Amino acid sequence: MVFFRKKSLEEQIASKSNPRARAYLISGFKLIKHPSVTERLIACAKSDPDPFVRMQAISVLSQRKESRVLNGLLSVIKNDNHQHVRKFAAKAIQDTYQLEALDILLSSFRQTKNSVFKKRMIEAIGGLTLKEAGLALIELFEGTENIEMRLAILRAIGNFEFEDVMHFLEKVSVENSGSVAEMASRMLKRVKRANQI
């Protein structure tokens, strides 16, 4: 009788030098909910050298509602240098972890001094669809004097289409000048277009 040793997931993924082959292999693990598979998928989402492979891992992870998955996706948003990968992770969070993500993103924003990370947190909050996320961005705007940060927050606020946002953007465009007023006016036009006003 011959026994075959099954290759570990790490060995299987590592043995594929072609990124498409790694991505294809990762897609095969959608239905396997074993903790070690989840951990390996999180590792791929955070550190595979190819952005397409990272996005494939995020796609598989987005179907698992676990706190470690949320933490892994938040790490991708904070640390990945590829904008599309960060947006893909934000979208995955958006669909599954809205309230939890908002709390963690706001906490991360307040705890970090790094302006790049702060902007990434703002971008991710802007990707959420909760009204609470839009209101939180308004609060962040009012709590900062940094022009770059205010512009990033206004850009993110432009993703929300409810009435409080319109009033806020109107107020900002009137009460401010320069680039802040311009950005507020631009976002206001976007929100009005979305609402067909």
N, C-alpha and C. Protein backbone atom coordinates (compact mmCIF):
# COMPACT_ATOMS: atom_id res chain seq x y z
N MET A 1 0.84 -1.17 0.00
CA MET A 1 0.00 0.00 0.00
C MET A 1 0.90 1.25 0.00
N VAL A 2 0.57 2.19 -0.86
CA VAL A 2 1.38 3.39 -0.97
C VAL A 2 0.61 4.57 -0.37
N PHE A 3 1.30 5.32 0.46
CA PHE A 3 0.69 6.52 1.04
C PHE A 3 1.31 7.75 0.41
N PHE A 4 0.48 8.67 0.03
CA PHE A 4 0.96 9.92 -0.54
C PHE A 4 0.82 11.02 0.50
N ARG A 5 1.90 11.76 0.69
CA ARG A 5 1.81 12.89 1.61
C ARG A 5 1.22 14.06 0.85
N LYS A 6 0.13 14.58 1.35
CA LYS A 6 -0.51 15.73 0.72
C LYS A 6 0.36 16.96 0.96
N LYS A 7 0.62 17.72 -0.08
CA LYS A 7 1.40 18.94 0.09
C LYS A 7 0.60 19.93 0.92
N SER A 8 1.29 20.65 1.78
CA SER A 8 0.60 21.67 2.55
C SER A 8 0.19 22.79 1.61
N LEU A 9 -0.78 23.57 2.04
CA LEU A 9 -1.25 24.69 1.23
C LEU A 9 -0.10 25.65 0.92
N GLU A 10 0.74 25.90 1.93
CA GLU A 10 1.89 26.79 1.74
C GLU A 10 2.79 26.26 0.63
N GLU A 11 3.06 24.95 0.65
CA GLU A 11 3.93 24.35 -0.36
C GLU A 11 3.30 24.43 -1.75
N GLN A 12 1.99 24.19 -1.81
CA GLN A 12 1.31 24.24 -3.11
C GLN A 12 1.36 25.64 -3.71
N ILE A 13 1.04 26.65 -2.89
CA ILE A 13 1.04 28.02 -3.39
C ILE A 13 2.45 28.48 -3.72
N ALA A 14 3.40 28.17 -2.83
CA ALA A 14 4.80 28.58 -3.05
C ALA A 14 5.40 27.91 -4.28
N SER A 15 4.93 26.71 -4.61
CA SER A 15 5.51 25.98 -5.75
C SER A 15 5.11 26.59 -7.10
N LYS A 16 4.13 27.46 -7.09
CA LYS A 16 3.67 28.09 -8.34
C LYS A 16 4.38 29.42 -8.54
N SER A 17 5.28 29.48 -9.50
CA SER A 17 5.99 30.74 -9.76
C SER A 17 5.14 31.69 -10.60
N ASN A 18 4.19 31.15 -11.34
CA ASN A 18 3.31 31.97 -12.16
C ASN A 18 2.19 32.54 -11.30
N PRO A 19 2.06 33.88 -11.25
CA PRO A 19 1.00 34.47 -10.41
C PRO A 19 -0.40 33.99 -10.76
N ARG A 20 -0.68 33.77 -12.05
CA ARG A 20 -2.02 33.29 -12.44
C ARG A 20 -2.28 31.91 -11.87
N ALA A 21 -1.24 31.06 -11.82
CA ALA A 21 -1.40 29.72 -11.27
C ALA A 21 -1.67 29.81 -9.76
N ARG A 22 -0.97 30.72 -9.08
CA ARG A 22 -1.23 30.90 -7.64
C ARG A 22 -2.65 31.40 -7.41
N ALA A 23 -3.08 32.35 -8.22
CA ALA A 23 -4.44 32.90 -8.08
C ALA A 23 -5.48 31.81 -8.32
N TYR A 24 -5.26 30.98 -9.32
CA TYR A 24 -6.19 29.89 -9.64
C TYR A 24 -6.25 28.90 -8.47
N LEU A 25 -5.10 28.58 -7.91
CA LEU A 25 -5.05 27.66 -6.78
C LEU A 25 -5.81 28.25 -5.59
N ILE A 26 -5.62 29.54 -5.33
CA ILE A 26 -6.31 30.21 -4.22
C ILE A 26 -7.82 30.17 -4.42
N SER A 27 -8.27 30.37 -5.66
CA SER A 27 -9.72 30.36 -5.91
C SER A 27 -10.34 29.00 -5.59
N GLY A 28 -9.55 27.96 -5.62
CA GLY A 28 -10.04 26.62 -5.30
C GLY A 28 -10.33 26.41 -3.82
N PHE A 29 -9.94 27.36 -2.98
CA PHE A 29 -10.13 27.22 -1.54
C PHE A 29 -11.33 27.98 -1.01
N LYS A 30 -12.24 28.37 -1.91
CA LYS A 30 -13.43 29.13 -1.49
C LYS A 30 -14.27 28.38 -0.47
N LEU A 31 -14.42 27.09 -0.67
CA LEU A 31 -15.33 26.33 0.19
C LEU A 31 -14.65 25.68 1.38
N ILE A 32 -13.33 25.78 1.46
CA ILE A 32 -12.61 25.15 2.57
C ILE A 32 -12.44 26.19 3.68
N LYS A 33 -13.13 25.99 4.78
CA LYS A 33 -13.17 26.97 5.87
C LYS A 33 -12.20 26.63 7.01
N HIS A 34 -11.27 25.72 6.79
CA HIS A 34 -10.34 25.32 7.83
C HIS A 34 -9.50 26.52 8.28
N PRO A 35 -9.24 26.66 9.59
CA PRO A 35 -8.47 27.80 10.10
C PRO A 35 -7.10 27.98 9.44
N SER A 36 -6.41 26.88 9.16
CA SER A 36 -5.08 27.01 8.55
C SER A 36 -5.18 27.55 7.13
N VAL A 37 -6.25 27.20 6.42
CA VAL A 37 -6.46 27.73 5.06
C VAL A 37 -6.74 29.23 5.15
N THR A 38 -7.59 29.61 6.11
CA THR A 38 -7.90 31.03 6.29
C THR A 38 -6.63 31.81 6.60
N GLU A 39 -5.79 31.28 7.49
CA GLU A 39 -4.54 31.97 7.84
C GLU A 39 -3.64 32.13 6.61
N ARG A 40 -3.56 31.08 5.79
CA ARG A 40 -2.70 31.17 4.60
C ARG A 40 -3.26 32.18 3.60
N LEU A 41 -4.57 32.21 3.46
CA LEU A 41 -5.19 33.18 2.56
C LEU A 41 -4.94 34.62 3.04
N ILE A 42 -4.99 34.82 4.36
CA ILE A 42 -4.69 36.14 4.91
C ILE A 42 -3.24 36.51 4.60
N ALA A 43 -2.34 35.53 4.76
CA ALA A 43 -0.92 35.79 4.45
C ALA A 43 -0.74 36.14 2.98
N CYS A 44 -1.45 35.45 2.09
CA CYS A 44 -1.37 35.76 0.65
C CYS A 44 -1.91 37.16 0.37
N ALA A 45 -3.03 37.51 1.00
CA ALA A 45 -3.64 38.83 0.79
C ALA A 45 -2.71 39.94 1.24
N LYS A 46 -1.91 39.67 2.28
CA LYS A 46 -1.04 40.69 2.83
C LYS A 46 0.33 40.75 2.16
N SER A 47 0.81 39.61 1.63
CA SER A 47 2.22 39.63 1.24
C SER A 47 2.59 38.98 -0.08
N ASP A 48 1.65 38.42 -0.83
CA ASP A 48 2.04 37.87 -2.12
C ASP A 48 2.60 39.01 -2.98
N PRO A 49 3.67 38.74 -3.74
CA PRO A 49 4.28 39.83 -4.53
C PRO A 49 3.40 40.34 -5.67
N ASP A 50 2.41 39.57 -6.09
CA ASP A 50 1.59 39.98 -7.22
C ASP A 50 0.25 40.54 -6.75
N PRO A 51 -0.12 41.77 -7.17
CA PRO A 51 -1.39 42.36 -6.73
C PRO A 51 -2.62 41.55 -7.13
N PHE A 52 -2.57 40.90 -8.30
CA PHE A 52 -3.71 40.08 -8.75
C PHE A 52 -3.93 38.91 -7.79
N VAL A 53 -2.85 38.30 -7.33
CA VAL A 53 -2.95 37.18 -6.38
C VAL A 53 -3.50 37.68 -5.04
N ARG A 54 -3.02 38.85 -4.59
CA ARG A 54 -3.53 39.41 -3.34
C ARG A 54 -5.03 39.66 -3.45
N MET A 55 -5.47 40.19 -4.59
CA MET A 55 -6.91 40.45 -4.77
C MET A 55 -7.71 39.16 -4.81
N GLN A 56 -7.14 38.10 -5.40
CA GLN A 56 -7.84 36.81 -5.43
C GLN A 56 -8.00 36.27 -4.01
N ALA A 57 -6.96 36.41 -3.20
CA ALA A 57 -7.05 35.96 -1.80
C ALA A 57 -8.11 36.77 -1.05
N ILE A 58 -8.15 38.07 -1.30
CA ILE A 58 -9.16 38.93 -0.66
C ILE A 58 -10.55 38.50 -1.08
N SER A 59 -10.71 38.16 -2.35
CA SER A 59 -12.01 37.72 -2.86
C SER A 59 -12.50 36.48 -2.12
N VAL A 60 -11.61 35.53 -1.90
CA VAL A 60 -11.99 34.31 -1.19
C VAL A 60 -12.27 34.63 0.28
N LEU A 61 -11.43 35.48 0.87
CA LEU A 61 -11.62 35.84 2.29
C LEU A 61 -12.91 36.61 2.53
N SER A 62 -13.36 37.36 1.55
CA SER A 62 -14.54 38.21 1.74
C SER A 62 -15.79 37.41 2.05
N GLN A 63 -15.75 36.12 1.83
CA GLN A 63 -16.91 35.27 2.10
C GLN A 63 -16.86 34.65 3.49
N ARG A 64 -15.85 35.03 4.28
CA ARG A 64 -15.70 34.48 5.64
C ARG A 64 -15.86 35.58 6.66
N LYS A 65 -16.83 35.46 7.51
CA LYS A 65 -17.06 36.50 8.53
C LYS A 65 -16.38 36.07 9.82
N GLU A 66 -15.13 36.46 9.95
CA GLU A 66 -14.34 36.14 11.14
C GLU A 66 -13.53 37.37 11.50
N SER A 67 -13.28 37.57 12.79
CA SER A 67 -12.55 38.77 13.21
C SER A 67 -11.13 38.77 12.67
N ARG A 68 -10.49 37.60 12.56
CA ARG A 68 -9.11 37.59 12.04
C ARG A 68 -9.07 37.97 10.56
N VAL A 69 -10.15 37.64 9.82
CA VAL A 69 -10.22 38.05 8.42
C VAL A 69 -10.36 39.57 8.34
N LEU A 70 -11.24 40.12 9.17
CA LEU A 70 -11.41 41.57 9.20
C LEU A 70 -10.08 42.26 9.51
N ASN A 71 -9.36 41.76 10.52
CA ASN A 71 -8.08 42.35 10.88
C ASN A 71 -7.07 42.23 9.74
N GLY A 72 -7.09 41.10 9.03
CA GLY A 72 -6.19 40.93 7.88
C GLY A 72 -6.51 41.91 6.77
N LEU A 73 -7.79 42.10 6.49
CA LEU A 73 -8.20 43.03 5.43
C LEU A 73 -7.87 44.48 5.82
N LEU A 74 -8.04 44.80 7.09
CA LEU A 74 -7.68 46.14 7.55
C LEU A 74 -6.17 46.37 7.43
N SER A 75 -5.40 45.33 7.67
CA SER A 75 -3.95 45.42 7.50
C SER A 75 -3.59 45.69 6.04
N VAL A 76 -4.32 45.05 5.11
CA VAL A 76 -4.09 45.28 3.68
C VAL A 76 -4.38 46.74 3.35
N ILE A 77 -5.50 47.26 3.85
CA ILE A 77 -5.87 48.66 3.58
C ILE A 77 -4.78 49.60 4.10
N LYS A 78 -4.26 49.30 5.25
CA LYS A 78 -3.28 50.18 5.87
C LYS A 78 -1.90 50.09 5.20
N ASN A 79 -1.51 48.88 4.78
CA ASN A 79 -0.11 48.68 4.40
C ASN A 79 0.16 48.41 2.92
N ASP A 80 -0.85 48.00 2.16
CA ASP A 80 -0.58 47.65 0.75
C ASP A 80 -0.28 48.91 -0.05
N ASN A 81 0.73 48.84 -0.90
CA ASN A 81 1.12 50.01 -1.70
C ASN A 81 0.35 50.12 -3.01
N HIS A 82 -0.47 49.13 -3.32
CA HIS A 82 -1.21 49.13 -4.58
C HIS A 82 -2.64 49.63 -4.31
N GLN A 83 -3.01 50.74 -4.93
CA GLN A 83 -4.31 51.37 -4.68
C GLN A 83 -5.47 50.44 -4.97
N HIS A 84 -5.40 49.67 -6.06
CA HIS A 84 -6.51 48.78 -6.42
C HIS A 84 -6.68 47.66 -5.39
N VAL A 85 -5.58 47.18 -4.83
CA VAL A 85 -5.67 46.13 -3.80
C VAL A 85 -6.33 46.70 -2.56
N ARG A 86 -5.94 47.93 -2.17
CA ARG A 86 -6.56 48.56 -0.99
C ARG A 86 -8.05 48.76 -1.21
N LYS A 87 -8.43 49.23 -2.39
CA LYS A 87 -9.85 49.44 -2.68
C LYS A 87 -10.62 48.12 -2.69
N PHE A 88 -9.98 47.07 -3.19
CA PHE A 88 -10.60 45.75 -3.23
C PHE A 88 -10.85 45.25 -1.81
N ALA A 89 -9.87 45.46 -0.92
CA ALA A 89 -10.02 45.06 0.48
C ALA A 89 -11.11 45.89 1.16
N ALA A 90 -11.16 47.17 0.84
CA ALA A 90 -12.22 48.04 1.41
C ALA A 90 -13.59 47.57 0.96
N LYS A 91 -13.71 47.17 -0.30
CA LYS A 91 -14.99 46.67 -0.84
C LYS A 91 -15.39 45.38 -0.13
N ALA A 92 -14.40 44.50 0.13
CA ALA A 92 -14.70 43.25 0.83
C ALA A 92 -15.22 43.53 2.23
N ILE A 93 -14.61 44.50 2.90
CA ILE A 93 -15.06 44.88 4.24
C ILE A 93 -16.45 45.50 4.16
N GLN A 94 -16.64 46.33 3.18
CA GLN A 94 -17.91 47.03 2.99
C GLN A 94 -19.09 46.07 2.96
N ASP A 95 -18.91 44.96 2.30
CA ASP A 95 -20.01 44.02 2.11
C ASP A 95 -20.30 43.18 3.35
N THR A 96 -19.29 42.97 4.21
CA THR A 96 -19.47 42.02 5.30
C THR A 96 -19.35 42.61 6.69
N TYR A 97 -18.51 43.61 6.84
CA TYR A 97 -18.13 44.04 8.18
C TYR A 97 -18.36 45.52 8.44
N GLN A 98 -19.36 46.13 7.86
CA GLN A 98 -19.52 47.58 7.89
C GLN A 98 -19.31 48.22 9.28
N LEU A 99 -20.13 47.87 10.24
CA LEU A 99 -20.06 48.53 11.55
C LEU A 99 -18.74 48.25 12.26
N GLU A 100 -18.31 46.99 12.25
CA GLU A 100 -17.05 46.64 12.89
C GLU A 100 -15.91 47.40 12.24
N ALA A 101 -15.92 47.46 10.91
CA ALA A 101 -14.85 48.13 10.17
C ALA A 101 -14.82 49.62 10.49
N LEU A 102 -15.97 50.24 10.55
CA LEU A 102 -16.01 51.68 10.83
C LEU A 102 -15.36 51.98 12.17
N ASP A 103 -15.69 51.21 13.19
CA ASP A 103 -15.10 51.42 14.52
C ASP A 103 -13.58 51.26 14.48
N ILE A 104 -13.12 50.20 13.81
CA ILE A 104 -11.67 49.93 13.76
C ILE A 104 -10.95 50.98 12.93
N LEU A 105 -11.54 51.38 11.80
CA LEU A 105 -10.91 52.39 10.94
C LEU A 105 -10.80 53.73 11.66
N LEU A 106 -11.86 54.12 12.37
CA LEU A 106 -11.81 55.37 13.13
C LEU A 106 -10.77 55.30 14.24
N SER A 107 -10.71 54.17 14.91
CA SER A 107 -9.73 53.98 15.97
C SER A 107 -8.31 54.04 15.39
N SER A 108 -8.10 53.38 14.27
CA SER A 108 -6.78 53.39 13.61
C SER A 108 -6.41 54.80 13.18
N PHE A 109 -7.38 55.54 12.65
CA PHE A 109 -7.13 56.91 12.23
C PHE A 109 -6.65 57.76 13.41
N ARG A 110 -7.32 57.60 14.54
CA ARG A 110 -6.99 58.42 15.71
C ARG A 110 -5.67 58.02 16.35
N GLN A 111 -5.28 56.75 16.21
CA GLN A 111 -4.07 56.27 16.87
C GLN A 111 -2.80 56.52 16.09
N THR A 112 -2.89 56.64 14.76
CA THR A 112 -1.67 56.80 13.97
C THR A 112 -1.33 58.27 13.76
N LYS A 113 -0.05 58.54 13.70
CA LYS A 113 0.44 59.88 13.41
C LYS A 113 0.82 59.99 11.92
N ASN A 114 0.96 58.84 11.26
CA ASN A 114 1.41 58.78 9.87
C ASN A 114 0.31 59.29 8.94
N SER A 115 0.59 60.36 8.20
CA SER A 115 -0.44 60.99 7.35
C SER A 115 -0.85 60.07 6.19
N VAL A 116 0.07 59.25 5.68
CA VAL A 116 -0.27 58.32 4.59
C VAL A 116 -1.29 57.30 5.10
N PHE A 117 -1.04 56.75 6.29
CA PHE A 117 -1.98 55.79 6.87
C PHE A 117 -3.32 56.45 7.17
N LYS A 118 -3.28 57.68 7.67
CA LYS A 118 -4.53 58.40 7.96
C LYS A 118 -5.36 58.55 6.69
N LYS A 119 -4.71 58.91 5.58
CA LYS A 119 -5.42 59.07 4.31
C LYS A 119 -6.00 57.74 3.84
N ARG A 120 -5.28 56.65 4.07
CA ARG A 120 -5.80 55.32 3.69
C ARG A 120 -7.01 54.95 4.53
N MET A 121 -7.00 55.30 5.79
CA MET A 121 -8.16 55.04 6.65
C MET A 121 -9.35 55.86 6.17
N ILE A 122 -9.11 57.12 5.81
CA ILE A 122 -10.18 57.99 5.30
C ILE A 122 -10.76 57.41 4.01
N GLU A 123 -9.88 56.98 3.11
CA GLU A 123 -10.31 56.38 1.84
C GLU A 123 -11.20 55.16 2.09
N ALA A 124 -10.78 54.33 3.07
CA ALA A 124 -11.56 53.12 3.39
C ALA A 124 -12.90 53.48 4.01
N ILE A 125 -12.94 54.47 4.88
CA ILE A 125 -14.22 54.90 5.49
C ILE A 125 -15.14 55.41 4.38
N GLY A 126 -14.58 56.14 3.41
CA GLY A 126 -15.36 56.64 2.28
C GLY A 126 -15.91 55.52 1.41
N GLY A 127 -15.33 54.34 1.49
CA GLY A 127 -15.81 53.19 0.73
C GLY A 127 -16.97 52.46 1.39
N LEU A 128 -17.24 52.78 2.66
CA LEU A 128 -18.36 52.15 3.35
C LEU A 128 -19.67 52.81 2.90
N THR A 129 -20.75 52.09 3.02
CA THR A 129 -22.04 52.63 2.57
C THR A 129 -22.94 53.06 3.73
N LEU A 130 -22.46 52.92 4.94
CA LEU A 130 -23.25 53.30 6.11
C LEU A 130 -23.37 54.82 6.24
N LYS A 131 -24.52 55.29 6.61
CA LYS A 131 -24.70 56.72 6.88
C LYS A 131 -23.77 57.15 8.01
N GLU A 132 -23.58 56.27 8.98
CA GLU A 132 -22.68 56.56 10.12
C GLU A 132 -21.26 56.87 9.65
N ALA A 133 -20.83 56.24 8.55
CA ALA A 133 -19.48 56.50 8.02
C ALA A 133 -19.39 57.92 7.48
N GLY A 134 -20.42 58.37 6.77
CA GLY A 134 -20.45 59.75 6.27
C GLY A 134 -20.45 60.75 7.40
N LEU A 135 -21.23 60.49 8.44
CA LEU A 135 -21.29 61.38 9.60
C LEU A 135 -19.95 61.40 10.34
N ALA A 136 -19.29 60.24 10.41
CA ALA A 136 -17.98 60.17 11.06
C ALA A 136 -16.95 61.01 10.30
N LEU A 137 -17.03 60.98 8.97
CA LEU A 137 -16.10 61.79 8.16
C LEU A 137 -16.34 63.29 8.39
N ILE A 138 -17.60 63.67 8.51
CA ILE A 138 -17.92 65.08 8.80
C ILE A 138 -17.28 65.48 10.13
N GLU A 139 -17.39 64.60 11.12
CA GLU A 139 -16.81 64.87 12.43
C GLU A 139 -15.28 64.96 12.34
N LEU A 140 -14.66 64.06 11.55
CA LEU A 140 -13.21 64.11 11.38
C LEU A 140 -12.78 65.42 10.72
N PHE A 141 -13.55 65.85 9.72
CA PHE A 141 -13.25 67.11 9.02
C PHE A 141 -13.24 68.27 10.01
N GLU A 142 -14.27 68.31 10.83
CA GLU A 142 -14.41 69.41 11.79
C GLU A 142 -13.34 69.37 12.88
N GLY A 143 -12.73 68.19 13.07
CA GLY A 143 -11.71 68.05 14.10
C GLY A 143 -10.28 68.24 13.61
N THR A 144 -10.09 68.58 12.34
CA THR A 144 -8.73 68.77 11.83
C THR A 144 -8.58 70.11 11.13
N GLU A 145 -7.39 70.65 11.25
CA GLU A 145 -7.08 71.91 10.57
C GLU A 145 -6.14 71.67 9.38
N ASN A 146 -5.56 70.46 9.30
CA ASN A 146 -4.62 70.13 8.23
C ASN A 146 -5.32 70.14 6.87
N ILE A 147 -4.86 70.98 5.96
CA ILE A 147 -5.52 71.16 4.66
C ILE A 147 -5.52 69.86 3.85
N GLU A 148 -4.37 69.18 3.80
CA GLU A 148 -4.30 67.92 3.03
C GLU A 148 -5.30 66.90 3.55
N MET A 149 -5.39 66.80 4.87
CA MET A 149 -6.31 65.84 5.49
C MET A 149 -7.75 66.26 5.21
N ARG A 150 -8.02 67.56 5.28
CA ARG A 150 -9.38 68.05 5.00
C ARG A 150 -9.78 67.73 3.56
N LEU A 151 -8.84 67.88 2.62
CA LEU A 151 -9.14 67.57 1.22
C LEU A 151 -9.43 66.08 1.04
N ALA A 152 -8.62 65.24 1.70
CA ALA A 152 -8.85 63.78 1.62
C ALA A 152 -10.22 63.42 2.19
N ILE A 153 -10.58 64.06 3.31
CA ILE A 153 -11.89 63.79 3.93
C ILE A 153 -13.02 64.24 3.02
N LEU A 154 -12.88 65.41 2.42
CA LEU A 154 -13.92 65.90 1.50
C LEU A 154 -14.09 64.97 0.31
N ARG A 155 -12.97 64.47 -0.22
CA ARG A 155 -13.04 63.51 -1.34
C ARG A 155 -13.85 62.28 -0.93
N ALA A 156 -13.58 61.78 0.27
CA ALA A 156 -14.29 60.59 0.77
C ALA A 156 -15.76 60.90 1.04
N ILE A 157 -16.04 62.09 1.56
CA ILE A 157 -17.43 62.48 1.86
C ILE A 157 -18.26 62.53 0.59
N GLY A 158 -17.61 62.84 -0.54
CA GLY A 158 -18.32 62.90 -1.82
C GLY A 158 -18.94 61.59 -2.24
N ASN A 159 -18.59 60.49 -1.55
CA ASN A 159 -19.17 59.18 -1.86
C ASN A 159 -20.55 58.98 -1.22
N PHE A 160 -20.92 59.88 -0.32
CA PHE A 160 -22.18 59.73 0.40
C PHE A 160 -23.22 60.68 -0.18
N GLU A 161 -24.44 60.20 -0.29
CA GLU A 161 -25.45 60.95 -1.03
C GLU A 161 -26.65 61.37 -0.19
N PHE A 162 -26.50 61.41 1.12
CA PHE A 162 -27.65 61.78 1.93
C PHE A 162 -27.65 63.28 2.22
N GLU A 163 -28.78 63.76 2.69
CA GLU A 163 -29.04 65.20 2.82
C GLU A 163 -28.06 65.92 3.75
N ASP A 164 -27.69 65.29 4.87
CA ASP A 164 -26.74 65.91 5.80
C ASP A 164 -25.42 66.23 5.11
N VAL A 165 -24.99 65.36 4.21
CA VAL A 165 -23.74 65.57 3.47
C VAL A 165 -23.88 66.78 2.56
N MET A 166 -25.01 66.91 1.88
CA MET A 166 -25.21 68.07 0.99
C MET A 166 -25.15 69.37 1.79
N HIS A 167 -25.82 69.41 2.94
CA HIS A 167 -25.81 70.62 3.76
C HIS A 167 -24.39 70.93 4.25
N PHE A 168 -23.70 69.88 4.65
CA PHE A 168 -22.32 70.05 5.13
C PHE A 168 -21.42 70.61 4.02
N LEU A 169 -21.51 70.03 2.82
CA LEU A 169 -20.67 70.49 1.71
C LEU A 169 -21.01 71.92 1.30
N GLU A 170 -22.29 72.28 1.33
CA GLU A 170 -22.68 73.66 1.04
C GLU A 170 -22.05 74.62 2.05
N LYS A 171 -22.12 74.24 3.31
CA LYS A 171 -21.57 75.07 4.40
C LYS A 171 -20.05 75.22 4.23
N VAL A 172 -19.36 74.12 3.94
CA VAL A 172 -17.90 74.16 3.79
C VAL A 172 -17.50 75.03 2.61
N SER A 173 -18.23 74.90 1.50
CA SER A 173 -17.88 75.69 0.31
C SER A 173 -18.09 77.19 0.54
N VAL A 174 -19.03 77.55 1.41
CA VAL A 174 -19.30 78.97 1.69
C VAL A 174 -18.33 79.51 2.75
N GLU A 175 -18.06 78.71 3.78
CA GLU A 175 -17.27 79.20 4.93
C GLU A 175 -15.76 79.10 4.73
N ASN A 176 -15.32 78.43 3.68
CA ASN A 176 -13.88 78.25 3.46
C ASN A 176 -13.48 78.91 2.15
N SER A 177 -12.18 78.90 1.90
CA SER A 177 -11.68 79.46 0.64
C SER A 177 -10.61 78.52 0.08
N GLY A 178 -10.14 78.85 -1.11
CA GLY A 178 -9.06 78.10 -1.73
C GLY A 178 -9.43 76.66 -2.08
N SER A 179 -8.46 75.78 -1.89
CA SER A 179 -8.63 74.38 -2.32
C SER A 179 -9.72 73.65 -1.54
N VAL A 180 -9.93 74.01 -0.28
CA VAL A 180 -10.97 73.35 0.52
C VAL A 180 -12.35 73.71 -0.04
N ALA A 181 -12.58 74.99 -0.32
CA ALA A 181 -13.87 75.42 -0.88
C ALA A 181 -14.08 74.80 -2.27
N GLU A 182 -13.02 74.75 -3.08
CA GLU A 182 -13.12 74.14 -4.42
C GLU A 182 -13.50 72.67 -4.32
N MET A 183 -12.81 71.93 -3.43
CA MET A 183 -13.10 70.50 -3.29
C MET A 183 -14.52 70.29 -2.77
N ALA A 184 -14.96 71.09 -1.82
CA ALA A 184 -16.32 70.98 -1.29
C ALA A 184 -17.34 71.23 -2.39
N SER A 185 -17.10 72.24 -3.23
CA SER A 185 -18.01 72.54 -4.35
C SER A 185 -18.05 71.39 -5.34
N ARG A 186 -16.88 70.83 -5.64
CA ARG A 186 -16.80 69.71 -6.59
C ARG A 186 -17.56 68.50 -6.05
N MET A 187 -17.37 68.18 -4.76
CA MET A 187 -18.06 67.04 -4.16
C MET A 187 -19.57 67.30 -4.07
N LEU A 188 -19.95 68.55 -3.82
CA LEU A 188 -21.37 68.90 -3.76
C LEU A 188 -22.02 68.66 -5.12
N LYS A 189 -21.34 69.04 -6.19
CA LYS A 189 -21.88 68.79 -7.54
C LYS A 189 -22.05 67.30 -7.78
N ARG A 190 -21.05 66.51 -7.31
CA ARG A 190 -21.12 65.05 -7.49
C ARG A 190 -22.32 64.48 -6.75
N VAL A 191 -22.50 64.91 -5.51
CA VAL A 191 -23.63 64.41 -4.70
C VAL A 191 -24.96 64.83 -5.31
N LYS A 192 -25.06 66.07 -5.77
CA LYS A 192 -26.31 66.54 -6.39
C LYS A 192 -26.60 65.78 -7.67
N ARG A 193 -25.54 65.52 -8.46
CA ARG A 193 -25.74 64.71 -9.69
C ARG A 193 -26.26 63.34 -9.35
N ALA A 194 -25.67 62.74 -8.32
CA ALA A 194 -26.11 61.39 -7.91
C ALA A 194 -27.56 61.40 -7.46
N ASN A 195 -27.97 62.50 -6.84
CA ASN A 195 -29.36 62.64 -6.39
C ASN A 195 -30.25 63.29 -7.44
N GLN A 196 -29.66 63.61 -8.59
CA GLN A 196 -30.35 64.25 -9.72
C GLN A 196 -31.06 65.53 -9.28
N ILE A 197 -30.30 66.36 -8.57
CA ILE A 197 -30.86 67.64 -8.10
C ILE A 197 -30.35 68.73 -9.04
